Each structure stands twice: as structure tokens, then as C-alpha cells.
Amino acid sequence: MSISFTPELLVPSEQDLETFEALFRDTSVIGATKAGGLHRLAASAEDGAVRDLFAAWLTERGFDVRVDAVGNMFGLITFNPEAPYVLCGSHLDSQPSAGRFDGVYGVLAGAVAVASLARQLRERGEVPACNLAVVNWTNEEGARFQPSLIGSSVFTGDLALQDAWACRDGDGISLKHALQQIGYLGEGRVELDVAGYVEIHVEQGDGLERDGLAIGVVRDTWAALKQRIRFIGEQNHTGPTPMAARKDALLAAAHAITAVRAEADLHGVQLHSSVGRLEIYPNSPNVVPSSVTLHVEYRSPDTELLAAAGARLDASLKATASATSTDYSIESRALREPTHLHHGFAELAYGVGQQLGLPIGNSVTVSGHDAISLSRHYPVCLLFIPSSNGVSHNEAEFTSEQDMRNGLHMLTALLHRACSTPNAYR
């Protein structure tokens, strides 16, 4: 007769939980908005300040802190120099006037989970099969510098370092210069043998809250088609210039915006669309705009639907330019393919959640995450905790203390299982 048993899981202590809450409070002050949110753009002075705080916290707890050439921060706990690393993390940068939880939770929870495990494993005299590391990825949000997911994309080799360095914000400042200014332009690549990556994140939707779940294990991601489109008109006076003689780039952009929304309305829940940013020149009340750039995105689980939507937008842009006597160009176009995340890692996480007694279910992510970048190269597990009312990228974004504690329990236990028995998910 065989006897089955459930392996022990290490979880954070009450002191660990309180340490996390103190660290979360401290970081929330940096870039805080009056409405209780966060404004901490990538490679800004505020980003530099929170990085300094985070690096000091890690160093005080025995982490080996390293920074690569694109500013990614790694806090390493090495049990065996010959062993690979299980990574965890997310990002400390935010959208403009955003919430305190998006990205930040995953970095801080990861740091506390790794510190807790390092202490407990050493107290027990155990050397796990894998080392541990927490990562703060540079410019996940893509708010100040485009594209998004820059740091993790450079780490995986999907984006060339020189191309990342050359990205410029609205004031023409390059990412390389901005990182130099805050002291986080490291040298070269942090070479790690990666056994797997875990990211825990607020859901940015209302699914878990609606279903009464504490943890979501992400199985699939949506695709995203992102384009930067520019209309070129003719600068002229808004007073005397006859309407028929105008070449109004903003009028052309307005038609494009309505076309982008109309496309989503055709497909219900299968397609989301947005024009989230306009760059208007000269942007004066008394001048017909001569140049307008739109940042357009479509998101869907179906790449064929995205391709068809993109083709219809191309036709619409051509017709709009003709009707408004303007020209247009597509300055960039990028498709992020949908992904099925690592089945074995997801199954391991699901079992850990059940063992902890947490209400757990399966999730899908429409948002982009650094985990998606890494998933094309390594085993990845992406976990969600609830977002109140599904609000995100907003100062009102909120996740309860209990949900954050549940997530920290889940992350610590999963990292323990993953670093102790990596074959459990491979």
C-alpha cells in the first residue's frame, strides 16, 4: 500500500506581513498624489527615489543588489552559486495619476517572500535546489517611454539594448539619459540561469471579487495590436482660413478615433480598443493643427480578428486622409501574440493555493505584464489578487490588506515549492 503525503509549505510569519505593510506604506509616499494615488513615471526623480529605498531595504536584508544596462534591479539570494534562480517581481513605475498597487505590490511582495524564505531555510539548515531573486523591471508601463515592457524585453533579448536606450519621452529625453540622471544605468547584463519566474499582480478587473476568490492563476493572455499613426495637415489661422481650404490633422484624427471605437462595438467582449494618447502640433487655440499622432491599440484573444480590424483601420485611414485633405503614415505597428502560460507551473500554483485553503480559480489577462515577456523563454506563473471594483490605472485603485496578505502567503508558499522541487512544474 502506497502512502501519499502533502509536502510542507513555508509561509510568511506575522512579522513578515507587518514588514511588507510597512514597506508598502513607505514606497506609497514616493510620488504620492493628493487623491491617494501614485504618479511615478519610469526613470523620473520619483522612480529614482523609490529605487534607492528598495535597494537599501534589500541590502539591509542580505540581498546582492545588481542593476543591468537598462536599469532592471535584481535582488539575489544565492544558496548555491552553481544552481539556477527562480525569479519573482514586477515593476515600481506607474502610469500618470495612477494607483498604488499596480506593479508595486508584486515587487514588494516578492522581496518580502524571498527574504522570509531565505531566513526560514537557513534556520532549518536547508539548501534548496534553486536560488531566489526579486526583480524590479524598468518601464513596464510604457507611459513615459514607448513601448511598454522595455526592461523585461531587453532581459529576454526580444528588444535590443540600443533600441531601448534610444526611446525618448515627450520632451525628447532618452531612456539612457534618464537612467543616468537617477543613477540607475547599470553595465551590461545580469547573467542568470533562470529556472522559472513568478509574478503576482492585482487583477485590474472584477472577476475575482465577483466570484469570491482570493487568488487567480492566469492560464492565457490576450493579444494586442498597437500602432502609432500620424496625420499630417497644414498649419493655418483658425479665423480667416476658409473651412474648405483647411487641412486639419486633428479633424482627421477625430474621425480615426471614432473608427477605432466603432470597430470594438462590432465585436462585443471579443475586442477592446483605445486611443489613449494624442500628440498635437502646434497645439494652439488659434492654429489649425498641422500634425497629430495617435496611439491606437486593439486587444483580443483572436489574432485573426485583430488582423481583420487592422486591415479595416488601414482602409479607414486612407479614406479619412482623402476626405480631410491630409496625409498619414503608420509610424510603428507591433503585435503581441496571445500566450498560453506554462501549464505545469499553473497546476503547481493551483495545488499550492488549495493546500493553503485559499479560494482559487483560473484567470485570463487582457493587460500586458512582464510575465508575458518572460513566458516566451522560461516557465512562468502569473497570479492575481482581487482589485476592488476592477478599477486600475486610477487613483481610486484599491486592494484590501487581507487580499494582499493572502497573496503574500500564496507567493511565499509557491516560491518555496518552486525552488525546493523545480521538477514539480517542469
Protein backbone atom coordinates (compact mmCIF):
# COMPACT_ATOMS: atom_id res chain seq x y z
CA MET A 1 0.00 0.00 0.00
CA SER A 2 1.44 3.41 -1.01
CA ILE A 3 1.21 6.34 1.32
CA SER A 4 0.75 9.82 -0.15
CA PHE A 5 1.65 12.99 1.67
CA THR A 6 1.46 16.70 1.02
CA PRO A 7 4.85 18.44 1.19
CA GLU A 8 5.16 21.14 3.83
CA LEU A 9 4.84 24.72 2.64
CA LEU A 10 6.70 27.62 4.18
CA VAL A 11 4.61 30.76 4.63
CA PRO A 12 5.38 34.25 5.92
CA SER A 13 5.25 35.00 9.63
CA GLU A 14 3.13 37.72 11.15
CA GLN A 15 6.29 39.82 11.38
CA ASP A 16 6.90 39.30 7.66
CA LEU A 17 3.39 40.51 6.91
CA GLU A 18 3.92 43.59 9.04
CA THR A 19 7.26 44.19 7.32
CA PHE A 20 5.51 44.11 3.96
CA GLU A 21 2.85 46.56 5.10
CA ALA A 22 5.49 48.99 6.39
CA LEU A 23 7.44 48.75 3.13
CA PHE A 24 4.26 49.30 1.13
CA ARG A 25 3.45 52.42 3.17
CA ASP A 26 6.96 53.78 2.74
CA THR A 27 7.01 53.34 -1.02
CA SER A 28 3.50 54.74 -1.41
CA VAL A 29 4.74 58.12 -0.15
CA ILE A 30 7.16 58.49 -3.08
CA GLY A 31 5.24 60.06 -5.95
CA ALA A 32 2.01 60.17 -3.93
CA THR A 33 -0.87 62.22 -5.32
CA LYS A 34 -3.31 64.30 -3.27
CA ALA A 35 -6.10 61.85 -4.07
CA GLY A 36 -4.18 58.92 -2.60
CA GLY A 37 -2.73 57.55 -5.81
CA LEU A 38 0.70 57.45 -7.40
CA HIS A 39 2.49 59.43 -10.11
CA ARG A 40 5.88 57.75 -10.58
CA LEU A 41 6.92 57.58 -14.21
CA ALA A 42 9.80 55.38 -15.31
CA ALA A 43 13.28 56.86 -14.76
CA SER A 44 11.83 60.00 -13.15
CA ALA A 45 13.19 61.54 -9.95
CA GLU A 46 10.41 59.75 -8.06
CA ASP A 47 11.37 56.44 -9.66
CA GLY A 48 14.97 57.06 -8.62
CA ALA A 49 13.89 57.74 -5.03
CA VAL A 50 11.81 54.58 -4.72
CA ARG A 51 14.62 52.55 -6.28
CA ASP A 52 17.02 53.95 -3.67
CA LEU A 53 14.63 52.97 -0.88
CA PHE A 54 14.14 49.50 -2.34
CA ALA A 55 17.87 48.91 -2.87
CA ALA A 56 18.62 49.92 0.74
CA TRP A 57 15.88 47.61 2.03
CA LEU A 58 17.30 44.68 0.06
CA THR A 59 20.89 45.37 1.09
CA GLU A 60 19.95 45.52 4.77
CA ARG A 61 18.50 42.03 4.47
CA GLY A 62 21.45 40.40 2.77
CA PHE A 63 20.39 40.55 -0.87
CA ASP A 64 23.07 41.01 -3.53
CA VAL A 65 21.69 44.02 -5.47
CA ARG A 66 22.62 44.34 -9.13
CA VAL A 67 21.48 46.70 -11.89
CA ASP A 68 21.75 45.96 -15.60
CA ALA A 69 22.27 48.32 -18.53
CA VAL A 70 18.56 49.09 -18.91
CA GLY A 71 18.02 49.73 -15.20
CA ASN A 72 16.45 46.42 -14.19
CA MET A 73 17.12 45.85 -10.47
CA PHE A 74 17.86 42.34 -9.22
CA GLY A 75 17.95 41.34 -5.56
CA LEU A 76 19.68 37.96 -5.40
CA ILE A 77 19.66 35.39 -2.62
CA THR A 78 22.20 32.73 -3.55
CA PHE A 79 22.20 29.44 -1.66
CA ASN A 80 24.35 27.59 -4.22
CA PRO A 81 26.37 29.51 -6.85
CA GLU A 82 26.04 26.58 -9.26
CA ALA A 83 22.23 26.44 -9.06
CA PRO A 84 19.71 28.31 -11.25
CA TYR A 85 17.39 31.05 -9.97
CA VAL A 86 13.66 31.23 -9.52
CA LEU A 87 12.78 34.88 -10.14
CA CYS A 88 9.80 36.89 -8.97
CA GLY A 89 8.86 40.53 -9.27
CA SER A 90 7.05 43.19 -11.26
CA HIS A 91 7.59 46.98 -11.60
CA LEU A 92 7.78 50.10 -9.43
CA ASP A 93 6.91 52.64 -12.14
CA SER A 94 3.33 53.86 -12.56
CA GLN A 95 1.01 55.49 -15.03
CA PRO A 96 0.30 59.22 -14.57
CA SER A 97 -2.04 59.82 -11.60
CA ALA A 98 -2.48 56.08 -11.14
CA GLY A 99 -2.93 53.70 -8.22
CA ARG A 100 -0.56 52.46 -5.50
CA PHE A 101 -0.93 48.73 -6.21
CA ASP A 102 -0.32 48.05 -9.91
CA GLY A 103 3.15 46.52 -10.25
CA VAL A 104 4.34 47.79 -6.88
CA TYR A 105 2.57 45.03 -4.98
CA GLY A 106 4.35 42.32 -6.96
CA VAL A 107 7.82 43.76 -6.35
CA LEU A 108 7.36 44.32 -2.63
CA ALA A 109 5.54 41.03 -2.03
CA GLY A 110 8.32 39.28 -3.95
CA ALA A 111 11.03 40.92 -1.86
CA VAL A 112 9.37 40.04 1.45
CA ALA A 113 8.59 36.48 0.30
CA VAL A 114 12.20 35.85 -0.73
CA ALA A 115 13.56 37.39 2.47
CA SER A 116 11.18 35.25 4.53
CA LEU A 117 12.17 32.07 2.71
CA ALA A 118 15.88 32.83 2.97
CA ARG A 119 15.57 33.25 6.72
CA GLN A 120 13.44 30.16 7.24
CA LEU A 121 15.52 27.89 5.02
CA ARG A 122 18.74 28.95 6.73
CA GLU A 123 17.21 28.43 10.16
CA ARG A 124 16.29 24.90 9.08
CA GLY A 125 19.72 24.27 7.58
CA GLU A 126 18.21 23.55 4.16
CA VAL A 127 19.80 24.34 0.82
CA PRO A 128 17.10 24.41 -1.89
CA ALA A 129 17.64 23.23 -5.45
CA CYS A 130 17.30 26.78 -6.79
CA ASN A 131 18.38 30.23 -5.70
CA LEU A 132 15.88 33.07 -5.43
CA ALA A 133 15.72 36.61 -6.82
CA VAL A 134 13.31 39.54 -6.86
CA VAL A 135 13.28 41.89 -9.87
CA ASN A 136 12.06 45.43 -10.47
CA TRP A 137 11.66 45.68 -14.26
CA THR A 138 12.26 49.07 -15.92
CA ASN A 139 9.41 50.87 -17.72
CA GLU A 140 6.77 48.18 -17.66
CA GLU A 141 4.03 50.77 -18.04
CA GLY A 142 5.11 52.40 -21.30
CA ALA A 143 3.75 55.74 -20.08
CA ARG A 144 6.84 57.94 -20.34
CA PHE A 145 8.75 55.77 -22.84
CA GLN A 146 7.26 53.52 -25.50
CA PRO A 147 6.98 50.60 -25.94
CA SER A 148 5.88 49.08 -22.65
CA LEU A 149 7.70 46.10 -21.08
CA ILE A 150 11.09 47.57 -22.05
CA GLY A 151 13.17 46.18 -19.18
CA SER A 152 11.90 42.61 -19.36
CA SER A 153 12.09 42.64 -23.17
CA VAL A 154 15.77 43.64 -23.07
CA PHE A 155 16.45 40.93 -20.48
CA THR A 156 14.97 38.25 -22.73
CA GLY A 157 16.73 39.59 -25.83
CA ASP A 158 13.48 40.46 -27.60
CA LEU A 159 14.41 44.16 -27.61
CA ALA A 160 17.93 45.37 -28.41
CA LEU A 161 19.58 47.42 -25.68
CA GLN A 162 20.49 50.21 -28.10
CA ASP A 163 16.86 50.45 -29.24
CA ALA A 164 15.70 50.62 -25.63
CA TRP A 165 18.24 53.31 -24.79
CA ALA A 166 17.10 55.36 -27.79
CA CYS A 167 13.43 55.55 -26.69
CA ARG A 168 12.50 59.17 -25.97
CA ASP A 169 9.81 60.79 -23.87
CA GLY A 170 7.66 63.75 -24.92
CA ASP A 171 10.46 66.18 -24.05
CA GLY A 172 12.98 64.32 -26.21
CA ILE A 173 14.86 62.81 -23.24
CA SER A 174 16.21 59.34 -23.99
CA LEU A 175 15.73 56.44 -21.62
CA LYS A 176 19.51 56.04 -21.40
CA HIS A 177 19.95 59.66 -20.29
CA ALA A 178 17.03 59.46 -17.85
CA LEU A 179 18.52 56.36 -16.20
CA GLN A 180 21.90 58.09 -15.97
CA GLN A 181 20.25 61.06 -14.28
CA ILE A 182 18.76 58.94 -11.50
CA GLY A 183 21.84 56.73 -11.11
CA TYR A 184 20.34 53.50 -12.45
CA LEU A 185 22.13 52.98 -15.74
CA GLY A 186 23.96 49.78 -14.91
CA GLU A 187 26.53 47.97 -17.01
CA GLY A 188 25.89 45.01 -19.25
CA ARG A 189 23.53 42.17 -18.49
CA VAL A 190 22.93 40.43 -15.17
CA GLU A 191 23.61 36.86 -16.25
CA LEU A 192 21.29 34.41 -14.56
CA ASP A 193 20.36 30.80 -15.24
CA VAL A 194 16.59 31.16 -14.91
CA ALA A 195 14.63 28.13 -13.73
CA GLY A 196 11.31 30.00 -13.70
CA TYR A 197 9.55 33.28 -12.99
CA VAL A 198 6.59 34.10 -10.76
CA GLU A 199 4.69 37.39 -10.84
CA ILE A 200 1.84 38.32 -8.54
CA HIS A 201 -0.28 41.29 -9.53
CA VAL A 202 -3.56 43.00 -8.76
CA GLU A 203 -6.16 41.71 -11.20
CA GLN A 204 -7.16 45.05 -12.83
CA GLY A 205 -10.61 43.56 -13.35
CA ASP A 206 -13.51 42.47 -11.18
CA GLY A 207 -13.56 38.72 -11.85
CA LEU A 208 -12.04 37.52 -8.57
CA GLU A 209 -14.07 39.93 -6.47
CA ARG A 210 -17.26 38.95 -8.30
CA ASP A 211 -16.61 35.24 -7.82
CA GLY A 212 -15.45 35.49 -4.21
CA LEU A 213 -11.93 34.23 -4.98
CA ALA A 214 -8.67 35.15 -3.26
CA ILE A 215 -6.26 34.04 -5.99
CA GLY A 216 -6.44 33.78 -9.76
CA VAL A 217 -4.00 31.55 -11.65
CA VAL A 218 -3.57 33.08 -15.10
CA ARG A 219 -3.71 30.48 -17.84
CA ASP A 220 -3.99 32.63 -21.00
CA THR A 221 -3.21 36.13 -22.24
CA TRP A 222 -4.89 38.28 -24.88
CA ALA A 223 -3.10 39.55 -27.96
CA ALA A 224 -2.54 43.26 -28.52
CA LEU A 225 -2.07 45.25 -31.73
CA LYS A 226 -0.51 48.65 -31.02
CA GLN A 227 0.06 51.34 -33.64
CA ARG A 228 1.35 54.89 -33.71
CA ILE A 229 -0.36 56.79 -36.52
CA ARG A 230 0.39 60.32 -37.67
CA PHE A 231 -1.84 62.64 -39.69
CA ILE A 232 -0.09 65.50 -41.49
CA GLY A 233 -2.08 68.60 -42.39
CA GLU A 234 -1.26 72.25 -42.89
CA GLN A 235 -0.79 74.85 -40.17
CA ASN A 236 -3.03 77.87 -40.68
CA HIS A 237 -5.08 80.54 -38.86
CA THR A 238 -8.37 79.28 -37.38
CA GLY A 239 -10.06 82.63 -38.03
CA PRO A 240 -9.75 83.71 -41.67
CA THR A 241 -8.88 80.35 -43.24
CA PRO A 242 -11.98 79.13 -45.17
CA MET A 243 -13.29 75.80 -43.91
CA ALA A 244 -12.99 74.22 -47.33
CA ALA A 245 -9.32 75.23 -47.53
CA ARG A 246 -8.30 73.68 -44.24
CA LYS A 247 -6.09 70.62 -43.92
CA ASP A 248 -6.89 69.85 -40.30
CA ALA A 249 -4.86 66.98 -38.89
CA LEU A 250 -6.92 66.97 -35.69
CA LEU A 251 -10.17 66.61 -37.63
CA ALA A 252 -8.66 63.60 -39.39
CA ALA A 253 -7.57 62.18 -36.04
CA ALA A 254 -11.09 62.62 -34.66
CA HIS A 255 -12.52 60.53 -37.50
CA ALA A 256 -9.89 57.87 -36.81
CA ILE A 257 -10.76 57.79 -33.11
CA THR A 258 -14.43 57.15 -33.81
CA ALA A 259 -13.49 54.43 -36.30
CA VAL A 260 -11.33 52.70 -33.68
CA ARG A 261 -14.22 52.72 -31.18
CA ALA A 262 -16.75 51.59 -33.81
CA GLU A 263 -14.58 48.56 -34.55
CA ALA A 264 -14.76 47.42 -30.93
CA ASP A 265 -18.52 47.93 -30.88
CA LEU A 266 -18.84 45.40 -33.71
CA HIS A 267 -17.34 42.56 -31.66
CA GLY A 268 -18.68 42.86 -28.13
CA VAL A 269 -16.46 41.32 -25.48
CA GLN A 270 -14.05 39.85 -28.03
CA LEU A 271 -12.32 43.15 -28.85
CA HIS A 272 -11.22 46.12 -26.76
CA SER A 273 -9.94 49.29 -28.41
CA SER A 274 -8.47 52.59 -27.31
CA VAL A 275 -6.81 55.79 -28.42
CA GLY A 276 -5.13 56.67 -25.15
CA ARG A 277 -2.79 59.42 -26.28
CA LEU A 278 -2.76 62.33 -28.77
CA GLU A 279 0.25 64.47 -29.64
CA ILE A 280 -0.93 67.67 -31.32
CA TYR A 281 1.23 70.30 -33.03
CA PRO A 282 1.33 73.22 -32.58
CA ASN A 283 -1.49 72.72 -30.05
CA SER A 284 -2.56 76.37 -30.06
CA PRO A 285 -6.22 77.52 -29.82
CA ASN A 286 -5.87 79.78 -32.87
CA VAL A 287 -3.97 77.44 -35.19
CA VAL A 288 -5.24 74.62 -37.40
CA PRO A 289 -3.17 71.60 -36.27
CA SER A 290 -0.59 70.52 -38.80
CA SER A 291 0.40 67.23 -37.13
CA VAL A 292 -1.42 64.82 -34.85
CA THR A 293 -0.09 61.49 -33.62
CA LEU A 294 -2.47 58.87 -32.22
CA HIS A 295 -1.52 55.88 -30.09
CA VAL A 296 -4.04 53.22 -31.11
CA GLU A 297 -4.50 49.77 -29.63
CA TYR A 298 -6.72 46.79 -30.22
CA ARG A 299 -6.79 43.83 -27.80
CA SER A 300 -8.39 40.45 -28.39
CA PRO A 301 -7.79 36.76 -27.73
CA ASP A 302 -8.17 36.22 -31.50
CA THR A 303 -5.27 37.29 -33.74
CA GLU A 304 -7.34 36.78 -36.89
CA LEU A 305 -9.88 39.27 -35.57
CA LEU A 306 -7.04 41.70 -34.81
CA ALA A 307 -5.66 41.31 -38.34
CA ALA A 308 -9.08 42.00 -39.86
CA ALA A 309 -9.60 45.01 -37.58
CA GLY A 310 -6.20 46.33 -38.52
CA ALA A 311 -6.97 45.98 -42.23
CA ARG A 312 -10.27 47.84 -41.81
CA LEU A 313 -8.49 50.60 -39.93
CA ASP A 314 -5.97 50.92 -42.77
CA ALA A 315 -8.82 51.43 -45.23
CA SER A 316 -10.49 53.92 -42.90
CA LEU A 317 -7.28 55.94 -42.51
CA LYS A 318 -6.89 56.19 -46.27
CA ALA A 319 -10.50 57.37 -46.71
CA THR A 320 -10.18 59.84 -43.83
CA ALA A 321 -6.99 61.36 -45.23
CA SER A 322 -8.67 61.82 -48.60
CA ALA A 323 -11.79 63.42 -47.09
CA THR A 324 -9.80 65.85 -44.92
CA SER A 325 -7.08 66.72 -47.47
CA THR A 326 -4.39 65.36 -45.15
CA ASP A 327 -1.71 62.72 -45.41
CA TYR A 328 -0.99 59.96 -42.91
CA SER A 329 1.70 57.47 -42.01
CA ILE A 330 1.85 54.46 -39.70
CA GLU A 331 4.99 55.21 -37.71
CA SER A 332 5.04 51.93 -35.81
CA ARG A 333 2.99 48.76 -35.59
CA ALA A 334 3.56 45.94 -33.10
CA LEU A 335 1.59 42.76 -32.47
CA ARG A 336 1.92 40.97 -29.13
CA GLU A 337 0.73 37.42 -29.68
CA PRO A 338 -1.59 35.66 -27.21
CA THR A 339 0.09 33.21 -24.90
CA HIS A 340 -0.80 30.04 -23.04
CA LEU A 341 1.20 30.26 -19.83
CA HIS A 342 3.17 27.28 -18.55
CA HIS A 343 0.69 24.52 -17.73
CA GLY A 344 2.86 22.74 -15.17
CA PHE A 345 3.61 25.90 -13.23
CA ALA A 346 -0.08 26.88 -13.23
CA GLU A 347 -1.05 23.45 -11.96
CA LEU A 348 1.56 23.65 -9.22
CA ALA A 349 0.23 27.06 -8.17
CA TYR A 350 -3.34 25.81 -8.16
CA GLY A 351 -2.38 22.95 -5.88
CA VAL A 352 -0.47 25.26 -3.53
CA GLY A 353 -3.49 27.57 -3.27
CA GLN A 354 -5.74 24.65 -2.44
CA GLN A 355 -3.28 23.37 0.16
CA LEU A 356 -3.29 26.82 1.78
CA GLY A 357 -7.08 26.77 1.84
CA LEU A 358 -7.39 29.88 -0.32
CA PRO A 359 -10.39 30.23 -2.68
CA ILE A 360 -8.61 29.90 -6.04
CA GLY A 361 -9.66 29.88 -9.68
CA ASN A 362 -8.36 30.29 -13.23
CA SER A 363 -7.89 33.72 -14.82
CA VAL A 364 -7.12 35.33 -18.17
CA THR A 365 -5.16 38.56 -18.53
CA VAL A 366 -6.10 41.26 -21.02
CA SER A 367 -3.38 43.56 -19.65
CA GLY A 368 0.27 43.22 -20.53
CA HIS A 369 2.73 42.15 -17.82
CA ASP A 370 6.45 41.46 -17.61
CA ALA A 371 5.47 37.83 -17.10
CA ILE A 372 4.32 37.78 -20.72
CA SER A 373 7.78 38.86 -21.92
CA LEU A 374 9.45 36.14 -19.89
CA SER A 375 6.90 33.46 -20.79
CA ARG A 376 8.30 33.18 -24.31
CA HIS A 377 11.62 32.00 -22.87
CA TYR A 378 11.08 30.47 -19.42
CA PRO A 379 8.45 28.67 -17.34
CA VAL A 380 6.26 31.46 -15.95
CA CYS A 381 3.44 31.64 -13.43
CA LEU A 382 1.25 34.75 -13.22
CA LEU A 383 -1.03 35.15 -10.20
CA PHE A 384 -3.78 37.69 -9.50
CA ILE A 385 -5.29 39.03 -6.30
CA PRO A 386 -8.58 40.99 -6.32
CA SER A 387 -8.97 44.61 -7.41
CA SER A 388 -11.85 46.49 -5.81
CA ASN A 389 -14.50 47.15 -8.47
CA GLY A 390 -11.94 46.28 -11.15
CA VAL A 391 -10.54 49.82 -11.13
CA SER A 392 -6.93 50.27 -12.25
CA HIS A 393 -4.66 52.97 -13.71
CA ASN A 394 -6.66 55.29 -11.48
CA GLU A 395 -6.02 56.92 -8.10
CA ALA A 396 -9.04 55.03 -6.75
CA GLU A 397 -7.36 51.66 -7.40
CA PHE A 398 -7.61 49.56 -4.23
CA THR A 399 -6.82 46.11 -2.92
CA SER A 400 -7.58 45.22 0.69
CA GLU A 401 -4.99 44.42 3.31
CA GLN A 402 -6.39 40.90 3.67
CA ASP A 403 -6.16 40.26 -0.08
CA MET A 404 -2.56 41.45 -0.08
CA ARG A 405 -1.79 39.18 2.88
CA ASN A 406 -3.41 36.24 1.10
CA GLY A 407 -1.28 36.96 -1.94
CA LEU A 408 1.90 37.08 0.10
CA HIS A 409 1.06 33.72 1.66
CA MET A 410 0.43 32.31 -1.81
CA LEU A 411 3.60 33.74 -3.33
CA THR A 412 5.85 32.62 -0.47
CA ALA A 413 4.48 29.08 -0.49
CA LEU A 414 4.73 28.81 -4.28
CA LEU A 415 8.30 30.11 -4.35
CA HIS A 416 9.19 27.61 -1.63
CA ARG A 417 7.78 24.75 -3.67
CA ALA A 418 9.33 26.01 -6.91
CA CYS A 419 12.85 26.49 -5.50
CA SER A 420 12.80 23.27 -3.47
CA THR A 421 11.32 20.96 -6.10
CA PRO A 422 11.67 22.60 -9.55
CA ASN A 423 10.77 19.34 -11.29
CA ALA A 424 7.29 19.79 -9.83
CA TYR A 425 6.40 22.17 -12.66
CA ARG A 426 8.80 21.32 -15.48
